[in-house]
Amino acid sequence: MGGAAGGRVVRVGREEGGVPAGGEGVAGGGADGLLEAGVSPFRGTTYAHLHGTKVGGSIFDENGYRHTAADLLEYADPDNITVYLHAVVHQILIKTLPGQRPKAYGVFFRDSKGGRHMAFLNDGPKNEVILSAGALGSPQLLLLSGVGPAPELKAHGLTVILDHPMVGHGMSDNPMNAVLVPSPTPVELSLIQVVGITDFGSYVEAASGSLDLAWLRRTAQDFAKAVNQTLQTFTVPINLTIPEATGVPELYQNPGVQAGVILEKIMGPFSSGFLELRSRDPNDNPRVTFNYFQDPRDLQRCVQGMEIIKRVVESRPFSPFRYPFASFQSLMNMMLAVPNNLRIKHFTAAYSMEQFCLDTVMTIWHYHGGCQVDRVVDHDYRVLGMDALRVVDGSTFYSSPGTNPQATVMMLGRYMGQRILQERKAR
């Protein structure tokens, strides 16, 4: 699906007045379908987040090559940077002296073979540790280093360096719900570039690609393996196979299924949660509770977004990309048959949009919070109550942009890098 290597840049045609003229494939049908569903006006190709339907940017170029932040390494000065691959930081080294604030002076890390290493800051007031481990990694590493809520640190037998009650709190994610739409006509691999931005805070996006029925089976197996559960854990409300659930018998004979996916995600959820240590082992993922849809306003926005998706799938422009006898109800049934999370699937989810949202919610990996500005760090991203330690990543955000946050995070790094250099030159 969207984001895979070899993706193509979406082009949506235009008629006079800036109205999409069908465009190409599922992307074009999705754009026209969004307009027919009432997500208007058409904004063309733009990076601006404006209400309506638009085509956004891509990290793929015209030739299908992906460009990531790793490309920037070729511009780095090899004399000023050392990159350790497969190294895991276990702890930030912090000095504590009577009458002085705690001060970071280095990190302890292990290499891929388990070798122990320490890296120390050079002497001088300009040097500091910059933590950029992301919304899950940064609060976890602060906790492992003794910076966080004292009761939690003591519960894990960690020495309390600095009682910081808000470390790991204010955790949020932009919840996502999706519908897979098998297509009777061939579709190309397309990225998620077409987006409908609603006035109620939901983003509706479309992409397409090819899959086979084994994909759904692998999805279930991989998910079960990842959470160390058996497949019997999951309760499917309707005792049907995927082809039966969709009402598309062609899926029995066709090993390679062409499909589009339409998803909706909530930008700026009202619900938030927290992150806690699972253990003192930095290789253990922390325990994170995002409290998806805990605030009823988020659930209402999901329902509104799913109603938009329903109208898009049933729209005239999207009709070439759906089987005529596959109802939206059957597509909901199919999504309920996929174990995409640990939640029990309720029978009522096949008929209730609210329950469908609750039962099929997924992450879109836009985690943020845990080291928020004015709670854990100041406006210079320095950890409050400490010296020589900053956090510069998405853990400092109160909300994440509706689009992929990578550009925002990279620009934050660029901005703070320039600012830190200016501060050092001024000293």
Protein backbone atom coordinates (compact mmCIF):
# COMPACT_ATOMS: atom_id res chain seq x y z
CA MET A 1 0.00 0.00 0.00
CA GLY A 2 1.03 3.63 0.26
CA GLY A 3 4.51 4.23 1.54
CA ALA A 4 6.11 1.16 -0.02
CA ALA A 5 9.22 1.50 -2.12
CA GLY A 6 8.47 2.09 -5.76
CA GLY A 7 5.41 4.20 -5.02
CA ARG A 8 4.14 6.59 -7.62
CA VAL A 9 3.31 10.26 -7.32
CA VAL A 10 -0.40 10.94 -7.63
CA ARG A 11 -1.67 13.21 -10.37
CA VAL A 12 -5.26 14.37 -10.36
CA GLY A 13 -6.57 16.04 -13.49
CA ARG A 14 -8.44 19.33 -13.43
CA GLU A 15 -11.22 20.92 -15.37
CA GLU A 16 -11.97 24.61 -15.65
CA GLY A 17 -12.54 26.13 -12.23
CA GLY A 18 -10.13 23.74 -10.51
CA VAL A 19 -12.53 20.77 -10.26
CA PRO A 20 -10.88 17.32 -10.44
CA ALA A 21 -11.53 15.54 -13.73
CA GLY A 22 -11.42 11.94 -12.61
CA GLY A 23 -7.67 11.73 -12.34
CA GLU A 24 -5.88 8.39 -12.20
CA GLY A 25 -7.04 5.22 -10.45
CA VAL A 26 -8.26 5.01 -6.90
CA ALA A 27 -6.60 8.33 -6.08
CA GLY A 28 -8.58 10.16 -8.75
CA GLY A 29 -11.78 8.30 -7.85
CA GLY A 30 -11.15 9.08 -4.21
CA ALA A 31 -10.67 12.78 -4.94
CA ASP A 32 -13.85 13.03 -6.98
CA GLY A 33 -15.66 10.84 -4.47
CA LEU A 34 -14.65 13.12 -1.62
CA LEU A 35 -16.06 16.10 -3.48
CA GLU A 36 -19.30 14.25 -4.18
CA ALA A 37 -19.40 13.34 -0.47
CA GLY A 38 -19.29 17.04 0.37
CA VAL A 39 -15.62 17.54 1.30
CA SER A 40 -15.12 20.65 -0.79
CA PRO A 41 -13.76 22.77 -2.39
CA PHE A 42 -10.97 21.19 -4.43
CA ARG A 43 -7.67 22.81 -3.39
CA GLY A 44 -5.41 21.30 -6.05
CA THR A 45 -1.86 20.31 -5.10
CA THR A 46 -0.81 22.10 -1.93
CA TYR A 47 1.01 21.61 1.35
CA ALA A 48 -1.46 23.87 3.14
CA HIS A 49 -3.93 22.28 5.55
CA LEU A 50 -7.19 23.74 4.27
CA HIS A 51 -10.71 22.40 4.55
CA GLY A 52 -11.61 20.57 1.35
CA THR A 53 -10.01 17.98 -0.93
CA LYS A 54 -6.40 18.26 -2.05
CA VAL A 55 -3.32 16.42 -3.27
CA GLY A 56 -0.44 16.65 -0.82
CA GLY A 57 3.30 16.07 -1.03
CA SER A 58 5.37 12.92 -1.17
CA ILE A 59 8.84 11.70 -0.19
CA PHE A 60 9.01 9.88 -3.56
CA ASP A 61 10.32 11.69 -6.60
CA GLU A 62 8.96 11.49 -10.16
CA ASN A 63 10.99 8.32 -10.79
CA GLY A 64 9.61 6.48 -7.78
CA TYR A 65 12.70 6.84 -5.58
CA ARG A 66 12.15 7.51 -1.91
CA HIS A 67 14.06 10.27 -0.12
CA THR A 68 14.30 10.17 3.67
CA ALA A 69 16.20 11.96 6.41
CA ALA A 70 19.02 9.46 5.85
CA ASP A 71 19.83 11.35 2.64
CA LEU A 72 21.03 14.25 4.78
CA LEU A 73 23.94 12.21 6.14
CA GLU A 74 25.88 12.80 2.91
CA TYR A 75 25.99 16.49 3.83
CA ALA A 76 27.37 15.82 7.33
CA ASP A 77 30.97 16.60 8.21
CA PRO A 78 32.57 13.21 8.97
CA ASP A 79 35.05 14.93 11.28
CA ASN A 80 32.22 16.21 13.48
CA ILE A 81 29.88 13.25 13.61
CA THR A 82 30.13 9.61 14.66
CA VAL A 83 27.16 7.33 14.00
CA TYR A 84 26.82 4.05 15.91
CA LEU A 85 24.54 1.52 14.24
CA HIS A 86 22.54 -1.04 16.24
CA ALA A 87 23.49 0.68 19.50
CA VAL A 88 20.92 0.97 22.29
CA VAL A 89 21.23 3.67 24.94
CA HIS A 90 20.41 2.26 28.35
CA GLN A 91 20.80 5.34 30.51
CA ILE A 92 21.63 9.02 30.48
CA LEU A 93 24.51 9.61 32.88
CA ILE A 94 23.56 12.33 35.36
CA LYS A 95 25.78 13.98 37.96
CA THR A 96 24.24 15.06 41.26
CA LEU A 97 26.09 17.28 43.73
CA PRO A 98 24.74 18.85 46.94
CA GLY A 99 23.21 22.26 46.33
CA GLN A 100 23.38 21.93 42.53
CA ARG A 101 20.92 20.95 39.84
CA PRO A 102 21.34 17.49 38.30
CA LYS A 103 23.53 17.66 35.19
CA ALA A 104 23.83 15.21 32.29
CA TYR A 105 27.40 14.32 31.37
CA GLY A 106 27.08 11.39 28.96
CA VAL A 107 25.27 8.17 28.05
CA PHE A 108 25.71 4.46 28.70
CA PHE A 109 24.94 2.20 25.74
CA ARG A 110 25.40 -1.34 24.44
CA ASP A 111 26.39 -2.40 20.94
CA SER A 112 24.76 -5.16 18.87
CA LYS A 113 26.94 -7.81 20.56
CA GLY A 114 26.10 -6.64 24.06
CA GLY A 115 29.34 -4.75 24.59
CA ARG A 116 29.15 -1.97 27.18
CA HIS A 117 30.18 1.56 26.25
CA MET A 118 30.07 5.05 27.72
CA ALA A 119 30.20 8.31 25.82
CA PHE A 120 31.05 11.45 27.78
CA LEU A 121 30.53 15.11 27.03
CA ASN A 122 33.62 17.23 26.56
CA ASP A 123 34.34 19.72 29.30
CA GLY A 124 32.73 23.12 28.92
CA PRO A 125 29.35 24.76 29.51
CA LYS A 126 28.36 24.54 25.84
CA ASN A 127 28.18 20.75 25.68
CA GLU A 128 24.97 18.85 26.35
CA VAL A 129 23.08 15.63 25.69
CA ILE A 130 20.26 15.96 23.15
CA LEU A 131 17.62 13.24 23.47
CA SER A 132 15.72 12.49 20.24
CA ALA A 133 14.32 9.00 20.75
CA GLY A 134 10.74 9.85 19.81
CA ALA A 135 7.48 9.97 21.73
CA LEU A 136 7.94 6.43 23.04
CA GLY A 137 11.71 6.33 23.47
CA SER A 138 12.43 9.71 25.04
CA PRO A 139 10.12 9.44 28.08
CA GLN A 140 11.18 5.81 28.52
CA LEU A 141 14.86 6.78 28.59
CA LEU A 142 14.24 9.63 31.02
CA LEU A 143 12.47 7.20 33.34
CA LEU A 144 15.28 4.64 33.05
CA SER A 145 17.70 7.43 33.93
CA GLY A 146 15.86 8.32 37.14
CA VAL A 147 13.93 11.32 35.83
CA GLY A 148 10.17 10.97 36.17
CA PRO A 149 7.35 10.39 38.69
CA ALA A 150 9.04 9.26 41.91
CA PRO A 151 6.46 6.54 42.78
CA GLU A 152 6.93 4.84 39.40
CA LEU A 153 10.72 5.00 39.59
CA LYS A 154 10.73 3.54 43.10
CA ALA A 155 8.35 0.76 42.02
CA HIS A 156 11.00 -0.41 39.55
CA GLY A 157 13.86 -0.02 42.00
CA LEU A 158 15.31 2.98 40.18
CA THR A 159 17.15 5.76 41.98
CA VAL A 160 15.16 9.00 41.84
CA ILE A 161 17.47 11.63 40.34
CA LEU A 162 14.68 14.15 39.74
CA ASP A 163 11.02 13.78 40.65
CA HIS A 164 9.35 14.88 37.41
CA PRO A 165 5.62 14.00 37.63
CA MET A 166 4.74 14.81 34.00
CA VAL A 167 7.31 12.58 32.27
CA GLY A 168 5.32 10.01 30.30
CA HIS A 169 2.04 11.90 30.59
CA GLY A 170 -0.01 13.67 27.92
CA MET A 171 0.53 10.76 25.50
CA SER A 172 -1.65 10.95 22.40
CA ASP A 173 -2.01 9.31 19.00
CA ASN A 174 -4.15 10.23 16.01
CA PRO A 175 -6.56 7.25 15.93
CA MET A 176 -7.22 5.66 12.54
CA ASN A 177 -10.05 3.53 11.16
CA ALA A 178 -10.04 2.15 7.63
CA VAL A 179 -12.01 0.23 5.03
CA LEU A 180 -10.38 -2.04 2.43
CA VAL A 181 -12.21 -1.99 -0.91
CA PRO A 182 -11.43 -4.88 -3.33
CA SER A 183 -11.43 -3.60 -6.91
CA PRO A 184 -12.72 -5.44 -10.02
CA THR A 185 -10.34 -3.40 -12.17
CA PRO A 186 -6.53 -3.26 -11.98
CA VAL A 187 -5.16 -0.47 -9.79
CA GLU A 188 -1.60 0.78 -9.48
CA LEU A 189 0.35 1.17 -6.30
CA SER A 190 -0.30 4.70 -5.10
CA LEU A 191 0.81 6.66 -2.09
CA ILE A 192 -1.48 8.42 0.33
CA GLN A 193 -1.55 11.85 -1.25
CA VAL A 194 -5.24 12.50 -1.84
CA VAL A 195 -6.82 13.79 1.35
CA GLY A 196 -10.12 15.27 2.36
CA ILE A 197 -9.83 17.63 5.33
CA THR A 198 -13.18 17.99 7.05
CA ASP A 199 -14.34 20.90 9.14
CA PHE A 200 -14.84 18.59 12.15
CA GLY A 201 -11.19 17.51 12.46
CA SER A 202 -11.10 14.23 10.53
CA TYR A 203 -8.76 13.56 7.61
CA VAL A 204 -9.99 11.09 4.95
CA GLU A 205 -7.28 9.59 2.73
CA ALA A 206 -7.08 7.09 -0.14
CA ALA A 207 -4.41 4.78 -1.56
CA SER A 208 -4.31 1.60 -3.63
CA GLY A 209 -2.25 -1.48 -4.36
CA SER A 210 -2.30 -5.25 -4.79
CA LEU A 211 -2.66 -7.96 -2.17
CA ASP A 212 -3.66 -11.59 -1.95
CA LEU A 213 -5.78 -13.48 0.55
CA ALA A 214 -2.61 -14.74 2.17
CA TRP A 215 -1.95 -11.11 3.15
CA LEU A 216 -4.91 -11.17 5.51
CA ARG A 217 -3.77 -14.49 6.93
CA ARG A 218 -0.23 -13.19 7.39
CA THR A 219 -1.60 -10.04 9.00
CA ALA A 220 -3.39 -12.14 11.59
CA GLN A 221 -0.38 -14.38 12.19
CA ASP A 222 2.10 -11.51 12.42
CA PHE A 223 -0.16 -9.60 14.77
CA ALA A 224 -0.63 -12.62 17.02
CA LYS A 225 3.12 -13.23 17.07
CA ALA A 226 3.82 -9.59 17.89
CA VAL A 227 1.57 -9.62 20.93
CA ASN A 228 2.47 -13.19 21.91
CA GLN A 229 -1.13 -14.30 21.67
CA THR A 230 -2.91 -17.15 19.90
CA LEU A 231 -5.42 -16.39 17.18
CA GLN A 232 -8.16 -17.85 19.38
CA THR A 233 -7.88 -14.67 21.45
CA PHE A 234 -9.78 -12.75 18.79
CA THR A 235 -13.55 -12.94 18.53
CA VAL A 236 -14.99 -12.43 15.04
CA PRO A 237 -18.67 -11.42 15.15
CA ILE A 238 -19.63 -13.15 11.90
CA ASN A 239 -18.48 -16.69 11.18
CA LEU A 240 -17.44 -16.00 7.60
CA THR A 241 -14.27 -16.19 5.57
CA ILE A 242 -13.04 -12.98 3.97
CA PRO A 243 -14.58 -13.71 0.52
CA GLU A 244 -17.92 -14.61 2.11
CA ALA A 245 -17.86 -11.55 4.34
CA THR A 246 -17.37 -9.21 1.40
CA GLY A 247 -19.94 -10.85 -0.82
CA VAL A 248 -17.33 -10.99 -3.59
CA PRO A 249 -17.04 -14.63 -4.77
CA GLU A 250 -14.34 -13.63 -7.27
CA LEU A 251 -11.94 -13.42 -4.35
CA TYR A 252 -12.02 -17.23 -4.13
CA GLN A 253 -10.47 -17.66 -7.57
CA ASN A 254 -8.29 -14.55 -7.75
CA PRO A 255 -5.04 -15.00 -5.78
CA GLY A 256 -3.92 -11.43 -6.48
CA VAL A 257 -6.56 -8.97 -5.35
CA GLN A 258 -6.48 -5.36 -6.46
CA ALA A 259 -7.75 -3.06 -3.74
CA GLY A 260 -8.03 0.46 -2.50
CA VAL A 261 -7.98 1.55 1.10
CA ILE A 262 -9.81 4.56 2.46
CA LEU A 263 -9.00 5.64 5.98
CA GLU A 264 -10.00 8.37 8.33
CA LYS A 265 -7.86 9.69 11.14
CA ILE A 266 -8.55 12.25 13.83
CA MET A 267 -6.21 15.20 14.03
CA GLY A 268 -5.79 16.62 17.53
CA PRO A 269 -7.69 14.07 19.63
CA PHE A 270 -9.12 15.26 22.92
CA SER A 271 -8.28 11.90 24.53
CA SER A 272 -4.82 11.38 25.99
CA GLY A 273 -3.06 8.82 28.12
CA PHE A 274 0.26 7.89 29.64
CA LEU A 275 3.44 5.84 29.27
CA GLU A 276 4.89 3.59 31.96
CA LEU A 277 7.92 1.34 32.19
CA ARG A 278 7.25 -2.33 31.69
CA SER A 279 10.60 -3.19 33.24
CA ARG A 280 14.10 -1.79 33.73
CA ASP A 281 15.20 -3.41 30.47
CA PRO A 282 15.50 -0.70 27.77
CA ASN A 283 14.82 -3.36 25.13
CA ASP A 284 11.34 -3.89 26.56
CA ASN A 285 8.73 -1.70 24.94
CA PRO A 286 7.12 0.61 27.49
CA ARG A 287 3.48 0.14 28.40
CA VAL A 288 1.49 2.88 26.63
CA THR A 289 -2.19 3.72 27.05
CA PHE A 290 -3.50 6.27 24.54
CA ASN A 291 -7.14 6.02 25.71
CA TYR A 292 -8.49 6.07 22.16
CA PHE A 293 -12.01 7.58 22.07
CA GLN A 294 -12.12 8.05 25.83
CA ASP A 295 -13.43 11.54 25.11
CA PRO A 296 -16.84 11.19 23.40
CA ARG A 297 -15.98 14.06 21.06
CA ASP A 298 -13.30 11.89 19.44
CA LEU A 299 -15.75 9.03 18.94
CA GLN A 300 -18.26 11.38 17.33
CA ARG A 301 -15.60 12.64 14.93
CA CYS A 302 -14.74 9.05 13.99
CA VAL A 303 -18.39 8.32 13.23
CA GLN A 304 -18.60 11.42 11.06
CA GLY A 305 -15.41 10.39 9.26
CA MET A 306 -16.72 6.87 8.62
CA GLU A 307 -19.92 8.35 7.19
CA ILE A 308 -17.75 10.33 4.75
CA ILE A 309 -15.93 7.11 3.78
CA LYS A 310 -19.27 5.38 3.19
CA ARG A 311 -20.38 8.17 0.87
CA VAL A 312 -17.06 8.05 -1.01
CA VAL A 313 -17.24 4.28 -1.53
CA GLU A 314 -20.84 4.56 -2.74
CA SER A 315 -20.13 7.59 -4.95
CA ARG A 316 -20.31 7.51 -8.75
CA PRO A 317 -16.62 8.41 -9.29
CA PHE A 318 -15.51 5.51 -7.08
CA SER A 319 -17.84 2.94 -8.69
CA PRO A 320 -15.20 1.53 -11.12
CA PHE A 321 -13.11 0.51 -8.12
CA ARG A 322 -15.66 -1.51 -6.16
CA TYR A 323 -17.56 -4.70 -6.89
CA PRO A 324 -21.21 -3.81 -7.62
CA PHE A 325 -22.58 -6.35 -5.14
CA ALA A 326 -20.18 -5.53 -2.31
CA SER A 327 -22.14 -3.34 0.08
CA PHE A 328 -20.49 -1.04 2.57
CA GLN A 329 -21.89 -3.33 5.26
CA SER A 330 -19.88 -6.23 3.79
CA LEU A 331 -16.72 -4.10 3.78
CA MET A 332 -17.26 -3.37 7.46
CA ASN A 333 -17.66 -7.11 8.07
CA MET A 334 -14.34 -7.75 6.34
CA MET A 335 -12.51 -5.22 8.53
CA LEU A 336 -14.04 -6.80 11.62
CA ALA A 337 -12.64 -10.18 10.50
CA VAL A 338 -9.07 -8.85 10.54
CA PRO A 339 -7.38 -8.96 13.99
CA ASN A 340 -5.90 -5.48 13.73
CA ASN A 341 -5.82 -4.84 17.47
CA LEU A 342 -6.31 -6.59 20.81
CA ARG A 343 -9.88 -5.42 21.25
CA ILE A 344 -12.76 -7.87 21.34
CA LYS A 345 -14.93 -7.54 18.24
CA HIS A 346 -18.57 -7.07 19.23
CA PHE A 347 -21.46 -8.36 17.14
CA THR A 348 -23.03 -4.90 17.21
CA ALA A 349 -19.95 -3.42 15.49
CA ALA A 350 -21.29 -4.69 12.16
CA TYR A 351 -24.29 -2.39 12.52
CA SER A 352 -23.14 0.45 14.77
CA MET A 353 -20.61 3.00 13.52
CA GLU A 354 -19.74 3.90 17.11
CA GLN A 355 -18.92 0.29 17.98
CA PHE A 356 -17.10 -0.20 14.65
CA CYS A 357 -14.85 2.76 15.49
CA LEU A 358 -14.15 1.37 18.95
CA ASP A 359 -13.48 -2.18 17.77
CA THR A 360 -11.33 -1.49 14.69
CA VAL A 361 -9.28 1.53 15.80
CA MET A 362 -5.62 1.35 14.78
CA THR A 363 -2.57 3.46 15.31
CA ILE A 364 -1.25 5.56 12.47
CA TRP A 365 2.08 5.85 14.32
CA HIS A 366 1.70 9.58 14.98
CA TYR A 367 2.55 9.27 18.66
CA HIS A 368 3.24 12.48 20.52
CA GLY A 369 3.53 13.76 24.08
CA GLY A 370 5.31 12.41 27.13
CA CYS A 371 7.89 15.23 27.35
CA GLN A 372 5.71 18.22 26.57
CA VAL A 373 6.80 21.85 26.53
CA ASP A 374 6.11 23.64 29.85
CA ARG A 375 5.52 20.28 31.52
CA VAL A 376 8.83 18.45 31.03
CA VAL A 377 10.92 20.84 28.91
CA ASP A 378 11.05 24.61 28.59
CA HIS A 379 10.69 26.61 25.36
CA ASP A 380 14.35 25.95 24.59
CA TYR A 381 13.60 22.22 24.95
CA ARG A 382 15.81 21.94 28.04
CA VAL A 383 14.56 19.49 30.64
CA LEU A 384 13.09 21.51 33.50
CA GLY A 385 15.12 21.29 36.69
CA MET A 386 18.23 19.92 34.97
CA ASP A 387 21.32 21.12 33.13
CA ALA A 388 22.94 19.91 29.90
CA LEU A 389 19.95 17.86 28.73
CA ARG A 390 17.42 18.67 26.02
CA VAL A 391 14.62 16.70 24.37
CA VAL A 392 14.02 17.56 20.72
CA ASP A 393 11.41 15.34 19.06
CA GLY A 394 7.68 14.62 18.83
CA SER A 395 7.43 13.81 22.53
CA THR A 396 7.37 17.57 23.15
CA PHE A 397 4.21 18.10 21.03
CA TYR A 398 0.72 18.72 22.37
CA SER A 399 -0.75 17.80 18.98
CA SER A 400 0.55 16.21 15.81
CA PRO A 401 -0.16 17.59 12.34
CA GLY A 402 -2.85 15.88 10.28
CA THR A 403 -0.24 14.79 7.77
CA ASN A 404 2.74 12.53 8.47
CA PRO A 405 4.70 14.37 11.20
CA GLN A 406 8.15 13.53 9.83
CA ALA A 407 8.57 16.91 8.10
CA THR A 408 7.54 18.74 11.28
CA VAL A 409 9.97 16.72 13.39
CA MET A 410 12.83 17.25 10.92
CA MET A 411 12.18 20.99 10.79
CA LEU A 412 12.13 21.11 14.59
CA GLY A 413 15.55 19.46 14.58
CA ARG A 414 16.82 21.89 11.96
CA TYR A 415 15.44 24.90 13.83
CA MET A 416 16.87 23.82 17.19
CA GLY A 417 20.21 22.90 15.63
CA GLN A 418 20.55 26.40 14.20
CA ARG A 419 19.41 27.95 17.46
CA ILE A 420 21.89 25.95 19.56
CA LEU A 421 24.73 26.94 17.22
CA GLN A 422 23.76 30.60 17.57
CA GLU A 423 23.71 30.27 21.37
CA ARG A 424 27.17 28.70 21.39
CA LYS A 425 28.64 31.39 19.15
CA ALA A 426 27.20 34.08 21.41
CA ARG A 427 28.90 32.67 24.51
